[in-house]
Amino acid sequence: MTTTPVDLSNKTTPITLTDSAVMKVAELIAAEAAGEELALRVAVKPGGCSGFNYDMFFDTEFGADDVVTQFQSVKVAVDRASADLLKGSTLDYADGLQGAGFHITNPNATKTCGCGNSFS
């Protein structure tokens, strides 16, 4: 199940978070936050075995071109270049027998790597 986004930047929301991703990110922010308002930044960087890598980290700064979206208590920021590559993507979190982790489903990826972190 995906969470309904609230786009705070009046730009198209490039990535949607599932409920499980929202809960895990909120838990990580609560453990990390030292009085700062943290947002999850999702970016696409050149590199990896298929051409691009996903990068996710907590951030407190936003650029004028950032697409900022609120999913319940979690704020997500994506830079404009990454937003074009992520358009229509979903971030999910799973905790299963084969390990726990985040997974991005990107309809724009024509080829993905076995590691799941690289795409073209």
PDB file of N, CA and C in Angstrom:
ATOM      1  N   MET A   1       0.849  -1.178   0.000  1.00  0.00           N
ATOM      2  CA  MET A   1       0.000   0.000   0.000  1.00  0.00           C
ATOM      3  C   MET A   1       0.897   1.244   0.000  1.00  0.00           C
ATOM      4  N   THR A   2       0.595   2.203  -0.878  1.00  0.00           N
ATOM      5  CA  THR A   2       1.392   3.415  -0.927  1.00  0.00           C
ATOM      6  C   THR A   2       0.681   4.541  -0.205  1.00  0.00           C
ATOM      7  N   THR A   3       1.487   5.425   0.323  1.00  0.00           N
ATOM      8  CA  THR A   3       0.982   6.563   1.061  1.00  0.00           C
ATOM      9  C   THR A   3       0.656   7.692   0.090  1.00  0.00           C
ATOM     10  N   THR A   4      -0.425   8.403   0.308  1.00  0.00           N
ATOM     11  CA  THR A   4      -0.788   9.524  -0.535  1.00  0.00           C
ATOM     12  C   THR A   4       0.161  10.691  -0.260  1.00  0.00           C
ATOM     13  N   PRO A   5       0.858  11.175  -1.304  1.00  0.00           N
ATOM     14  CA  PRO A   5       1.816  12.256  -1.104  1.00  0.00           C
ATOM     15  C   PRO A   5       1.142  13.621  -1.057  1.00  0.00           C
ATOM     16  N   VAL A   6       1.802  14.540  -0.385  1.00  0.00           N
ATOM     17  CA  VAL A   6       1.428  15.947  -0.408  1.00  0.00           C
ATOM     18  C   VAL A   6       2.634  16.668  -0.987  1.00  0.00           C
ATOM     19  N   ASP A   7       2.493  17.177  -2.212  1.00  0.00           N
ATOM     20  CA  ASP A   7       3.601  17.842  -2.891  1.00  0.00           C
ATOM     21  C   ASP A   7       3.720  19.268  -2.363  1.00  0.00           C
ATOM     22  N   LEU A   8       4.829  19.542  -1.667  1.00  0.00           N
ATOM     23  CA  LEU A   8       5.035  20.848  -1.054  1.00  0.00           C
ATOM     24  C   LEU A   8       5.684  21.849  -1.997  1.00  0.00           C
ATOM     25  N   SER A   9       6.088  21.403  -3.185  1.00  0.00           N
ATOM     26  CA  SER A   9       6.839  22.266  -4.092  1.00  0.00           C
ATOM     27  C   SER A   9       6.060  22.639  -5.340  1.00  0.00           C
ATOM     28  N   ASN A  10       4.825  22.174  -5.457  1.00  0.00           N
ATOM     29  CA  ASN A  10       3.995  22.426  -6.633  1.00  0.00           C
ATOM     30  C   ASN A  10       4.624  21.884  -7.905  1.00  0.00           C
ATOM     31  N   LYS A  11       5.404  20.819  -7.791  1.00  0.00           N
ATOM     32  CA  LYS A  11       5.983  20.129  -8.938  1.00  0.00           C
ATOM     33  C   LYS A  11       5.506  18.691  -8.859  1.00  0.00           C
ATOM     34  N   THR A  12       5.582  17.964  -9.953  1.00  0.00           N
ATOM     35  CA  THR A  12       5.137  16.583  -9.982  1.00  0.00           C
ATOM     36  C   THR A  12       5.969  15.726  -9.032  1.00  0.00           C
ATOM     37  N   THR A  13       5.301  14.934  -8.204  1.00  0.00           N
ATOM     38  CA  THR A  13       5.971  14.051  -7.254  1.00  0.00           C
ATOM     39  C   THR A  13       6.693  12.948  -8.017  1.00  0.00           C
ATOM     40  N   PRO A  14       8.037  12.880  -7.917  1.00  0.00           N
ATOM     41  CA  PRO A  14       8.780  11.886  -8.692  1.00  0.00           C
ATOM     42  C   PRO A  14       8.769  10.483  -8.085  1.00  0.00           C
ATOM     43  N   ILE A  15       8.635  10.377  -6.770  1.00  0.00           N
ATOM     44  CA  ILE A  15       8.702   9.075  -6.112  1.00  0.00           C
ATOM     45  C   ILE A  15       7.661   9.014  -5.011  1.00  0.00           C
ATOM     46  N   THR A  16       7.036   7.853  -4.878  1.00  0.00           N
ATOM     47  CA  THR A  16       6.024   7.625  -3.858  1.00  0.00           C
ATOM     48  C   THR A  16       6.569   6.608  -2.868  1.00  0.00           C
ATOM     49  N   LEU A  17       6.247   6.770  -1.597  1.00  0.00           N
ATOM     50  CA  LEU A  17       6.678   5.841  -0.560  1.00  0.00           C
ATOM     51  C   LEU A  17       5.519   4.951  -0.142  1.00  0.00           C
ATOM     52  N   THR A  18       5.808   3.669   0.043  1.00  0.00           N
ATOM     53  CA  THR A  18       4.799   2.766   0.589  1.00  0.00           C
ATOM     54  C   THR A  18       4.682   3.041   2.085  1.00  0.00           C
ATOM     55  N   ASP A  19       3.626   2.525   2.688  1.00  0.00           N
ATOM     56  CA  ASP A  19       3.444   2.711   4.126  1.00  0.00           C
ATOM     57  C   ASP A  19       4.616   2.135   4.919  1.00  0.00           C
ATOM     58  N   SER A  20       5.120   0.970   4.492  1.00  0.00           N
ATOM     59  CA  SER A  20       6.237   0.370   5.222  1.00  0.00           C
ATOM     60  C   SER A  20       7.507   1.214   5.089  1.00  0.00           C
ATOM     61  N   ALA A  21       7.718   1.841   3.940  1.00  0.00           N
ATOM     62  CA  ALA A  21       8.872   2.724   3.768  1.00  0.00           C
ATOM     63  C   ALA A  21       8.730   3.966   4.645  1.00  0.00           C
ATOM     64  N   VAL A  22       7.536   4.535   4.698  1.00  0.00           N
ATOM     65  CA  VAL A  22       7.298   5.707   5.544  1.00  0.00           C
ATOM     66  C   VAL A  22       7.585   5.384   7.005  1.00  0.00           C
ATOM     67  N   MET A  23       7.088   4.222   7.462  1.00  0.00           N
ATOM     68  CA  MET A  23       7.290   3.840   8.867  1.00  0.00           C
ATOM     69  C   MET A  23       8.772   3.653   9.174  1.00  0.00           C
ATOM     70  N   LYS A  24       9.523   3.016   8.278  1.00  0.00           N
ATOM     71  CA  LYS A  24      10.945   2.768   8.521  1.00  0.00           C
ATOM     72  C   LYS A  24      11.744   4.062   8.461  1.00  0.00           C
ATOM     73  N   VAL A  25      11.461   4.924   7.496  1.00  0.00           N
ATOM     74  CA  VAL A  25      12.173   6.202   7.397  1.00  0.00           C
ATOM     75  C   VAL A  25      11.874   7.056   8.627  1.00  0.00           C
ATOM     76  N   ALA A  26      10.631   7.094   9.064  1.00  0.00           N
ATOM     77  CA  ALA A  26      10.273   7.854  10.267  1.00  0.00           C
ATOM     78  C   ALA A  26      11.025   7.320  11.482  1.00  0.00           C
ATOM     79  N   GLU A  27      11.147   6.009  11.580  1.00  0.00           N
ATOM     80  CA  GLU A  27      11.887   5.388  12.683  1.00  0.00           C
ATOM     81  C   GLU A  27      13.376   5.781  12.626  1.00  0.00           C
ATOM     82  N   LEU A  28      13.962   5.762  11.439  1.00  0.00           N
ATOM     83  CA  LEU A  28      15.371   6.134  11.284  1.00  0.00           C
ATOM     84  C   LEU A  28      15.610   7.612  11.570  1.00  0.00           C
ATOM     85  N   ILE A  29      14.679   8.454  11.142  1.00  0.00           N
ATOM     86  CA  ILE A  29      14.803   9.896  11.417  1.00  0.00           C
ATOM     87  C   ILE A  29      14.700  10.149  12.913  1.00  0.00           C
ATOM     88  N   ALA A  30      13.778   9.475  13.581  1.00  0.00           N
ATOM     89  CA  ALA A  30      13.619   9.649  15.034  1.00  0.00           C
ATOM     90  C   ALA A  30      14.896   9.248  15.765  1.00  0.00           C
ATOM     91  N   ALA A  31      15.561   8.202  15.306  1.00  0.00           N
ATOM     92  CA  ALA A  31      16.797   7.744  15.941  1.00  0.00           C
ATOM     93  C   ALA A  31      17.969   8.673  15.623  1.00  0.00           C
ATOM     94  N   GLU A  32      17.919   9.326  14.472  1.00  0.00           N
ATOM     95  CA  GLU A  32      19.018  10.167  13.988  1.00  0.00           C
ATOM     96  C   GLU A  32      18.903  11.623  14.428  1.00  0.00           C
ATOM     97  N   ALA A  33      17.692  12.126  14.476  1.00  0.00           N
ATOM     98  CA  ALA A  33      17.448  13.563  14.674  1.00  0.00           C
ATOM     99  C   ALA A  33      17.949  14.054  16.018  1.00  0.00           C
ATOM    100  N   ALA A  34      18.673  15.141  15.940  1.00  0.00           N
ATOM    101  CA  ALA A  34      19.157  15.811  17.145  1.00  0.00           C
ATOM    102  C   ALA A  34      18.557  17.214  17.157  1.00  0.00           C
ATOM    103  N   GLY A  35      17.236  17.279  17.079  1.00  0.00           N
ATOM    104  CA  GLY A  35      16.561  18.568  17.088  1.00  0.00           C
ATOM    105  C   GLY A  35      16.435  19.197  15.713  1.00  0.00           C
ATOM    106  N   GLU A  36      17.036  18.587  14.691  1.00  0.00           N
ATOM    107  CA  GLU A  36      16.941  19.118  13.339  1.00  0.00           C
ATOM    108  C   GLU A  36      15.782  18.470  12.605  1.00  0.00           C
ATOM    109  N   GLU A  37      15.205  19.208  11.680  1.00  0.00           N
ATOM    110  CA  GLU A  37      14.157  18.646  10.842  1.00  0.00           C
ATOM    111  C   GLU A  37      14.833  17.987   9.645  1.00  0.00           C
ATOM    112  N   LEU A  38      14.860  16.665   9.644  1.00  0.00           N
ATOM    113  CA  LEU A  38      15.521  15.925   8.584  1.00  0.00           C
ATOM    114  C   LEU A  38      14.522  15.494   7.517  1.00  0.00           C
ATOM    115  N   ALA A  39      15.006  15.465   6.294  1.00  0.00           N
ATOM    116  CA  ALA A  39      14.230  14.940   5.174  1.00  0.00           C
ATOM    117  C   ALA A  39      15.037  13.822   4.535  1.00  0.00           C
ATOM    118  N   LEU A  40      14.348  12.872   3.949  1.00  0.00           N
ATOM    119  CA  LEU A  40      15.017  11.840   3.180  1.00  0.00           C
ATOM    120  C   LEU A  40      15.285  12.413   1.795  1.00  0.00           C
ATOM    121  N   ARG A  41      16.550  12.446   1.404  1.00  0.00           N
ATOM    122  CA  ARG A  41      16.894  12.892   0.057  1.00  0.00           C
ATOM    123  C   ARG A  41      17.132  11.647  -0.785  1.00  0.00           C
ATOM    124  N   VAL A  42      16.425  11.576  -1.913  1.00  0.00           N
ATOM    125  CA  VAL A  42      16.598  10.486  -2.872  1.00  0.00           C
ATOM    126  C   VAL A  42      17.190  11.112  -4.124  1.00  0.00           C
ATOM    127  N   ALA A  43      18.333  10.568  -4.560  1.00  0.00           N
ATOM    128  CA  ALA A  43      19.032  11.127  -5.710  1.00  0.00           C
ATOM    129  C   ALA A  43      19.486  10.011  -6.638  1.00  0.00           C
ATOM    130  N   VAL A  44      19.745  10.378  -7.863  1.00  0.00           N
ATOM    131  CA  VAL A  44      20.316   9.476  -8.851  1.00  0.00           C
ATOM    132  C   VAL A  44      21.661  10.059  -9.246  1.00  0.00           C
ATOM    133  N   LYS A  45      22.696   9.235  -9.133  1.00  0.00           N
ATOM    134  CA  LYS A  45      24.068   9.664  -9.434  1.00  0.00           C
ATOM    135  C   LYS A  45      24.634   8.791 -10.553  1.00  0.00           C
ATOM    136  N   PRO A  46      25.489   9.352 -11.418  1.00  0.00           N
ATOM    137  CA  PRO A  46      26.164   8.524 -12.418  1.00  0.00           C
ATOM    138  C   PRO A  46      27.063   7.503 -11.728  1.00  0.00           C
ATOM    139  N   GLY A  47      27.106   6.293 -12.288  1.00  0.00           N
ATOM    140  CA  GLY A  47      27.982   5.264 -11.747  1.00  0.00           C
ATOM    141  C   GLY A  47      27.296   3.923 -11.674  1.00  0.00           C
ATOM    142  N   GLY A  48      27.975   2.979 -11.085  1.00  0.00           N
ATOM    143  CA  GLY A  48      27.436   1.631 -10.972  1.00  0.00           C
ATOM    144  C   GLY A  48      27.629   0.853 -12.253  1.00  0.00           C
ATOM    145  N   CYS A  49      27.312  -0.405 -12.208  1.00  0.00           N
ATOM    146  CA  CYS A  49      27.550  -1.271 -13.364  1.00  0.00           C
ATOM    147  C   CYS A  49      26.527  -1.071 -14.480  1.00  0.00           C
ATOM    148  N   SER A  50      25.418  -0.387 -14.220  1.00  0.00           N
ATOM    149  CA  SER A  50      24.420  -0.165 -15.268  1.00  0.00           C
ATOM    150  C   SER A  50      24.290   1.298 -15.688  1.00  0.00           C
ATOM    151  N   GLY A  51      25.068   2.197 -15.096  1.00  0.00           N
ATOM    152  CA  GLY A  51      25.043   3.593 -15.540  1.00  0.00           C
ATOM    153  C   GLY A  51      24.650   4.601 -14.477  1.00  0.00           C
ATOM    154  N   PHE A  52      23.668   4.264 -13.624  1.00  0.00           N
ATOM    155  CA  PHE A  52      23.219   5.168 -12.570  1.00  0.00           C
ATOM    156  C   PHE A  52      23.083   4.396 -11.264  1.00  0.00           C
ATOM    157  N   ASN A  53      23.294   5.104 -10.156  1.00  0.00           N
ATOM    158  CA  ASN A  53      23.100   4.550  -8.811  1.00  0.00           C
ATOM    159  C   ASN A  53      22.066   5.381  -8.078  1.00  0.00           C
ATOM    160  N   TYR A  54      21.285   4.729  -7.227  1.00  0.00           N
ATOM    161  CA  TYR A  54      20.397   5.445  -6.321  1.00  0.00           C
ATOM    162  C   TYR A  54      21.209   5.844  -5.097  1.00  0.00           C
ATOM    163  N   ASP A  55      20.916   7.014  -4.557  1.00  0.00           N
ATOM    164  CA  ASP A  55      21.567   7.496  -3.346  1.00  0.00           C
ATOM    165  C   ASP A  55      20.474   8.019  -2.421  1.00  0.00           C
ATOM    166  N   MET A  56      20.478   7.573  -1.172  1.00  0.00           N
ATOM    167  CA  MET A  56      19.501   8.039  -0.194  1.00  0.00           C
ATOM    168  C   MET A  56      20.239   8.428   1.077  1.00  0.00           C
ATOM    169  N   PHE A  57      19.920   9.607   1.600  1.00  0.00           N
ATOM    170  CA  PHE A  57      20.538  10.081   2.828  1.00  0.00           C
ATOM    171  C   PHE A  57      19.638  11.145   3.441  1.00  0.00           C
ATOM    172  N   PHE A  58      19.892  11.469   4.701  1.00  0.00           N
ATOM    173  CA  PHE A  58      19.112  12.506   5.371  1.00  0.00           C
ATOM    174  C   PHE A  58      19.738  13.862   5.107  1.00  0.00           C
ATOM    175  N   ASP A  59      18.890  14.858   4.921  1.00  0.00           N
ATOM    176  CA  ASP A  59      19.345  16.194   4.551  1.00  0.00           C
ATOM    177  C   ASP A  59      18.501  17.237   5.276  1.00  0.00           C
ATOM    178  N   THR A  60      19.088  18.397   5.493  1.00  0.00           N
ATOM    179  CA  THR A  60      18.371  19.507   6.115  1.00  0.00           C
ATOM    180  C   THR A  60      18.282  20.719   5.189  1.00  0.00           C
ATOM    181  N   GLU A  61      18.935  20.642   4.032  1.00  0.00           N
ATOM    182  CA  GLU A  61      18.963  21.782   3.115  1.00  0.00           C
ATOM    183  C   GLU A  61      18.208  21.444   1.829  1.00  0.00           C
ATOM    184  N   PHE A  62      17.503  22.453   1.312  1.00  0.00           N
ATOM    185  CA  PHE A  62      16.714  22.269   0.105  1.00  0.00           C
ATOM    186  C   PHE A  62      17.064  23.351  -0.899  1.00  0.00           C
ATOM    187  N   GLY A  63      17.212  22.950  -2.175  1.00  0.00           N
ATOM    188  CA  GLY A  63      17.466  23.896  -3.243  1.00  0.00           C
ATOM    189  C   GLY A  63      16.165  24.386  -3.847  1.00  0.00           C
ATOM    190  N   ALA A  64      16.253  25.473  -4.596  1.00  0.00           N
ATOM    191  CA  ALA A  64      15.067  26.061  -5.215  1.00  0.00           C
ATOM    192  C   ALA A  64      14.412  25.108  -6.212  1.00  0.00           C
ATOM    193  N   ASP A  65      15.199  24.219  -6.830  1.00  0.00           N
ATOM    194  CA  ASP A  65      14.677  23.280  -7.819  1.00  0.00           C
ATOM    195  C   ASP A  65      14.265  21.936  -7.231  1.00  0.00           C
ATOM    196  N   ASP A  66      14.443  21.748  -5.934  1.00  0.00           N
ATOM    197  CA  ASP A  66      14.082  20.480  -5.315  1.00  0.00           C
ATOM    198  C   ASP A  66      12.577  20.255  -5.354  1.00  0.00           C
ATOM    199  N   VAL A  67      12.213  19.005  -5.556  1.00  0.00           N
ATOM    200  CA  VAL A  67      10.815  18.597  -5.420  1.00  0.00           C
ATOM    201  C   VAL A  67      10.706  18.020  -4.012  1.00  0.00           C
ATOM    202  N   VAL A  68       9.909  18.669  -3.167  1.00  0.00           N
ATOM    203  CA  VAL A  68       9.767  18.249  -1.772  1.00  0.00           C
ATOM    204  C   VAL A  68       8.335  17.765  -1.568  1.00  0.00           C
ATOM    205  N   THR A  69       8.232  16.527  -1.067  1.00  0.00           N
ATOM    206  CA  THR A  69       6.933  15.882  -0.884  1.00  0.00           C
ATOM    207  C   THR A  69       6.829  15.364   0.540  1.00  0.00           C
ATOM    208  N   GLN A  70       5.643  15.470   1.114  1.00  0.00           N
ATOM    209  CA  GLN A  70       5.392  14.999   2.477  1.00  0.00           C
ATOM    210  C   GLN A  70       4.576  13.714   2.414  1.00  0.00           C
ATOM    211  N   PHE A  71       5.052  12.669   3.092  1.00  0.00           N
ATOM    212  CA  PHE A  71       4.339  11.411   3.232  1.00  0.00           C
ATOM    213  C   PHE A  71       4.125  11.206   4.728  1.00  0.00           C
ATOM    214  N   GLN A  72       2.942  11.488   5.209  1.00  0.00           N
ATOM    215  CA  GLN A  72       2.637  11.477   6.639  1.00  0.00           C
ATOM    216  C   GLN A  72       3.667  12.356   7.357  1.00  0.00           C
ATOM    217  N   SER A  73       4.504  11.780   8.229  1.00  0.00           N
ATOM    218  CA  SER A  73       5.481  12.591   8.970  1.00  0.00           C
ATOM    219  C   SER A  73       6.828  12.695   8.267  1.00  0.00           C
ATOM    220  N   VAL A  74       6.967  12.075   7.106  1.00  0.00           N
ATOM    221  CA  VAL A  74       8.256  12.017   6.413  1.00  0.00           C
ATOM    222  C   VAL A  74       8.274  12.971   5.222  1.00  0.00           C
ATOM    223  N   LYS A  75       9.302  13.818   5.194  1.00  0.00           N
ATOM    224  CA  LYS A  75       9.517  14.729   4.082  1.00  0.00           C
ATOM    225  C   LYS A  75      10.583  14.115   3.175  1.00  0.00           C
ATOM    226  N   VAL A  76      10.313  14.112   1.858  1.00  0.00           N
ATOM    227  CA  VAL A  76      11.238  13.560   0.874  1.00  0.00           C
ATOM    228  C   VAL A  76      11.625  14.664  -0.101  1.00  0.00           C
ATOM    229  N   ALA A  77      12.935  14.807  -0.342  1.00  0.00           N
ATOM    230  CA  ALA A  77      13.453  15.816  -1.270  1.00  0.00           C
ATOM    231  C   ALA A  77      14.166  15.125  -2.424  1.00  0.00           C
ATOM    232  N   VAL A  78      13.912  15.615  -3.640  1.00  0.00           N
ATOM    233  CA  VAL A  78      14.550  15.084  -4.845  1.00  0.00           C
ATOM    234  C   VAL A  78      14.985  16.270  -5.698  1.00  0.00           C
ATOM    235  N   ASP A  79      16.252  16.267  -6.133  1.00  0.00           N
ATOM    236  CA  ASP A  79      16.714  17.349  -7.005  1.00  0.00           C
ATOM    237  C   ASP A  79      16.072  17.201  -8.385  1.00  0.00           C
ATOM    238  N   ARG A  80      16.045  18.274  -9.160  1.00  0.00           N
ATOM    239  CA  ARG A  80      15.333  18.306 -10.444  1.00  0.00           C
ATOM    240  C   ARG A  80      15.861  17.248 -11.419  1.00  0.00           C
ATOM    241  N   ALA A  81      17.184  17.081 -11.540  1.00  0.00           N
ATOM    242  CA  ALA A  81      17.739  16.097 -12.481  1.00  0.00           C
ATOM    243  C   ALA A  81      17.331  14.680 -12.082  1.00  0.00           C
ATOM    244  N   SER A  82      17.388  14.379 -10.801  1.00  0.00           N
ATOM    245  CA  SER A  82      16.991  13.055 -10.319  1.00  0.00           C
ATOM    246  C   SER A  82      15.491  12.837 -10.480  1.00  0.00           C
ATOM    247  N   ALA A  83      14.711  13.898 -10.316  1.00  0.00           N
ATOM    248  CA  ALA A  83      13.254  13.782 -10.417  1.00  0.00           C
ATOM    249  C   ALA A  83      12.843  13.252 -11.783  1.00  0.00           C
ATOM    250  N   ASP A  84      13.525  13.707 -12.837  1.00  0.00           N
ATOM    251  CA  ASP A  84      13.194  13.237 -14.179  1.00  0.00           C
ATOM    252  C   ASP A  84      13.477  11.745 -14.333  1.00  0.00           C
ATOM    253  N   LEU A  85      14.546  11.258 -13.700  1.00  0.00           N
ATOM    254  CA  LEU A  85      14.914   9.837 -13.789  1.00  0.00           C
ATOM    255  C   LEU A  85      14.079   8.956 -12.862  1.00  0.00           C
ATOM    256  N   LEU A  86      13.482   9.556 -11.838  1.00  0.00           N
ATOM    257  CA  LEU A  86      12.692   8.800 -10.857  1.00  0.00           C
ATOM    258  C   LEU A  86      11.186   8.852 -11.096  1.00  0.00           C
ATOM    259  N   LYS A  87      10.738   9.651 -12.050  1.00  0.00           N
ATOM    260  CA  LYS A  87       9.308   9.893 -12.265  1.00  0.00           C
ATOM    261  C   LYS A  87       8.506   8.591 -12.287  1.00  0.00           C
ATOM    262  N   GLY A  88       7.538   8.471 -11.394  1.00  0.00           N
ATOM    263  CA  GLY A  88       6.678   7.298 -11.318  1.00  0.00           C
ATOM    264  C   GLY A  88       7.225   6.172 -10.449  1.00  0.00           C
ATOM    265  N   SER A  89       8.360   6.406  -9.782  1.00  0.00           N
ATOM    266  CA  SER A  89       8.996   5.370  -8.970  1.00  0.00           C
ATOM    267  C   SER A  89       8.314   5.209  -7.614  1.00  0.00           C
ATOM    268  N   THR A  90       8.561   4.052  -6.996  1.00  0.00           N
ATOM    269  CA  THR A  90       8.043   3.751  -5.668  1.00  0.00           C
ATOM    270  C   THR A  90       9.179   3.243  -4.800  1.00  0.00           C
ATOM    271  N   LEU A  91       9.283   3.781  -3.581  1.00  0.00           N
ATOM    272  CA  LEU A  91      10.243   3.308  -2.592  1.00  0.00           C
ATOM    273  C   LEU A  91       9.501   2.444  -1.593  1.00  0.00           C
ATOM    274  N   ASP A  92       9.987   1.214  -1.420  1.00  0.00           N
ATOM    275  CA  ASP A  92       9.374   0.276  -0.488  1.00  0.00           C
ATOM    276  C   ASP A  92      10.433  -0.197   0.498  1.00  0.00           C
ATOM    277  N   TYR A  93       9.977  -0.681   1.644  1.00  0.00           N
ATOM    278  CA  TYR A  93      10.864  -1.281   2.639  1.00  0.00           C
ATOM    279  C   TYR A  93      10.316  -2.652   2.976  1.00  0.00           C
ATOM    280  N   ALA A  94      11.190  -3.649   2.972  1.00  0.00           N
ATOM    281  CA  ALA A  94      10.776  -5.005   3.315  1.00  0.00           C
ATOM    282  C   ALA A  94      11.726  -5.569   4.355  1.00  0.00           C
ATOM    283  N   ASP A  95      11.172  -6.321   5.279  1.00  0.00           N
ATOM    284  CA  ASP A  95      11.951  -6.980   6.319  1.00  0.00           C
ATOM    285  C   ASP A  95      11.574  -8.455   6.262  1.00  0.00           C
ATOM    286  N   GLY A  96      12.375  -9.220   5.502  1.00  0.00           N
ATOM    287  CA  GLY A  96      12.017 -10.615   5.290  1.00  0.00           C
ATOM    288  C   GLY A  96      13.141 -11.570   5.610  1.00  0.00           C
ATOM    289  N   LEU A  97      12.947 -12.810   5.239  1.00  0.00           N
ATOM    290  CA  LEU A  97      13.921 -13.859   5.512  1.00  0.00           C
ATOM    291  C   LEU A  97      15.247 -13.644   4.806  1.00  0.00           C
ATOM    292  N   GLN A  98      15.221 -12.998   3.669  1.00  0.00           N
ATOM    293  CA  GLN A  98      16.443 -12.767   2.911  1.00  0.00           C
ATOM    294  C   GLN A  98      17.045 -11.398   3.214  1.00  0.00           C
ATOM    295  N   GLY A  99      16.663 -10.810   4.325  1.00  0.00           N
ATOM    296  CA  GLY A  99      17.233  -9.532   4.733  1.00  0.00           C
ATOM    297  C   GLY A  99      16.249  -8.391   4.628  1.00  0.00           C
ATOM    298  N   ALA A 100      16.624  -7.324   5.273  1.00  0.00           N
ATOM    299  CA  ALA A 100      15.785  -6.130   5.281  1.00  0.00           C
ATOM    300  C   ALA A 100      16.422  -5.072   4.405  1.00  0.00           C
ATOM    301  N   GLY A 101      15.589  -4.207   3.832  1.00  0.00           N
ATOM    302  CA  GLY A 101      16.145  -3.117   3.057  1.00  0.00           C
ATOM    303  C   GLY A 101      15.111  -2.375   2.244  1.00  0.00           C
ATOM    304  N   PHE A 102      15.583  -1.267   1.695  1.00  0.00           N
ATOM    305  CA  PHE A 102      14.756  -0.435   0.819  1.00  0.00           C
ATOM    306  C   PHE A 102      14.927  -0.911  -0.614  1.00  0.00           C
ATOM    307  N   HIS A 103      13.860  -0.770  -1.396  1.00  0.00           N
ATOM    308  CA  HIS A 103      13.899  -1.145  -2.802  1.00  0.00           C
ATOM    309  C   HIS A 103      13.124  -0.101  -3.600  1.00  0.00           C
ATOM    310  N   ILE A 104      13.741   0.369  -4.677  1.00  0.00           N
ATOM    311  CA  ILE A 104      13.085   1.330  -5.568  1.00  0.00           C
ATOM    312  C   ILE A 104      12.618   0.597  -6.813  1.00  0.00           C
ATOM    313  N   THR A 105      11.342   0.726  -7.123  1.00  0.00           N
ATOM    314  CA  THR A 105      10.786   0.230  -8.370  1.00  0.00           C
ATOM    315  C   THR A 105      10.661   1.430  -9.296  1.00  0.00           C
ATOM    316  N   ASN A 106      11.446   1.409 -10.379  1.00  0.00           N
ATOM    317  CA  ASN A 106      11.516   2.557 -11.278  1.00  0.00           C
ATOM    318  C   ASN A 106      11.049   2.145 -12.673  1.00  0.00           C
ATOM    319  N   PRO A 107       9.902   2.666 -13.133  1.00  0.00           N
ATOM    320  CA  PRO A 107       9.396   2.296 -14.457  1.00  0.00           C
ATOM    321  C   PRO A 107      10.260   2.841 -15.597  1.00  0.00           C
ATOM    322  N   ASN A 108      11.167   3.765 -15.308  1.00  0.00           N
ATOM    323  CA  ASN A 108      12.033   4.356 -16.330  1.00  0.00           C
ATOM    324  C   ASN A 108      13.302   3.548 -16.559  1.00  0.00           C
ATOM    325  N   ALA A 109      13.595   2.603 -15.675  1.00  0.00           N
ATOM    326  CA  ALA A 109      14.813   1.802 -15.792  1.00  0.00           C
ATOM    327  C   ALA A 109      14.633   0.769 -16.897  1.00  0.00           C
ATOM    328  N   THR A 110      15.515   0.807 -17.896  1.00  0.00           N
ATOM    329  CA  THR A 110      15.447  -0.153 -18.997  1.00  0.00           C
ATOM    330  C   THR A 110      16.289  -1.380 -18.693  1.00  0.00           C
ATOM    331  N   LYS A 111      17.270  -1.233 -17.812  1.00  0.00           N
ATOM    332  CA  LYS A 111      18.150  -2.330 -17.441  1.00  0.00           C
ATOM    333  C   LYS A 111      18.568  -2.124 -15.988  1.00  0.00           C
ATOM    334  N   THR A 112      18.547  -3.193 -15.194  1.00  0.00           N
ATOM    335  CA  THR A 112      18.977  -3.088 -13.808  1.00  0.00           C
ATOM    336  C   THR A 112      20.085  -4.101 -13.548  1.00  0.00           C
ATOM    337  N   CYS A 113      20.833  -3.826 -12.519  1.00  0.00           N
ATOM    338  CA  CYS A 113      21.943  -4.691 -12.119  1.00  0.00           C
ATOM    339  C   CYS A 113      21.443  -5.697 -11.080  1.00  0.00           C
ATOM    340  N   GLY A 114      22.158  -6.778 -10.908  1.00  0.00           N
ATOM    341  CA  GLY A 114      21.805  -7.777  -9.913  1.00  0.00           C
ATOM    342  C   GLY A 114      21.821  -7.242  -8.494  1.00  0.00           C
ATOM    343  N   CYS A 115      22.607  -6.177  -8.259  1.00  0.00           N
ATOM    344  CA  CYS A 115      22.696  -5.607  -6.908  1.00  0.00           C
ATOM    345  C   CYS A 115      21.435  -4.835  -6.536  1.00  0.00           C
ATOM    346  N   GLY A 116      20.651  -4.432  -7.537  1.00  0.00           N
ATOM    347  CA  GLY A 116      19.429  -3.682  -7.282  1.00  0.00           C
ATOM    348  C   GLY A 116      19.636  -2.204  -7.036  1.00  0.00           C
ATOM    349  N   ASN A 117      20.879  -1.734  -7.045  1.00  0.00           N
ATOM    350  CA  ASN A 117      21.181  -0.328  -6.780  1.00  0.00           C
ATOM    351  C   ASN A 117      21.595   0.422  -8.027  1.00  0.00           C
ATOM    352  N   SER A 118      21.723  -0.258  -9.142  1.00  0.00           N
ATOM    353  CA  SER A 118      22.231   0.351 -10.356  1.00  0.00           C
ATOM    354  C   SER A 118      21.223   0.103 -11.486  1.00  0.00           C
ATOM    355  N   PHE A 119      21.060   1.109 -12.361  1.00  0.00           N
ATOM    356  CA  PHE A 119      20.120   0.974 -13.473  1.00  0.00           C
ATOM    357  C   PHE A 119      20.555   1.852 -14.632  1.00  0.00           C
ATOM    358  N   SER A 120      19.945   1.625 -15.778  1.00  0.00           N
ATOM    359  CA  SER A 120      20.168   2.498 -16.934  1.00  0.00           C
ATOM    360  C   SER A 120      18.822   2.842 -17.546  1.00  0.00           C
TER     361      SER A 120
END
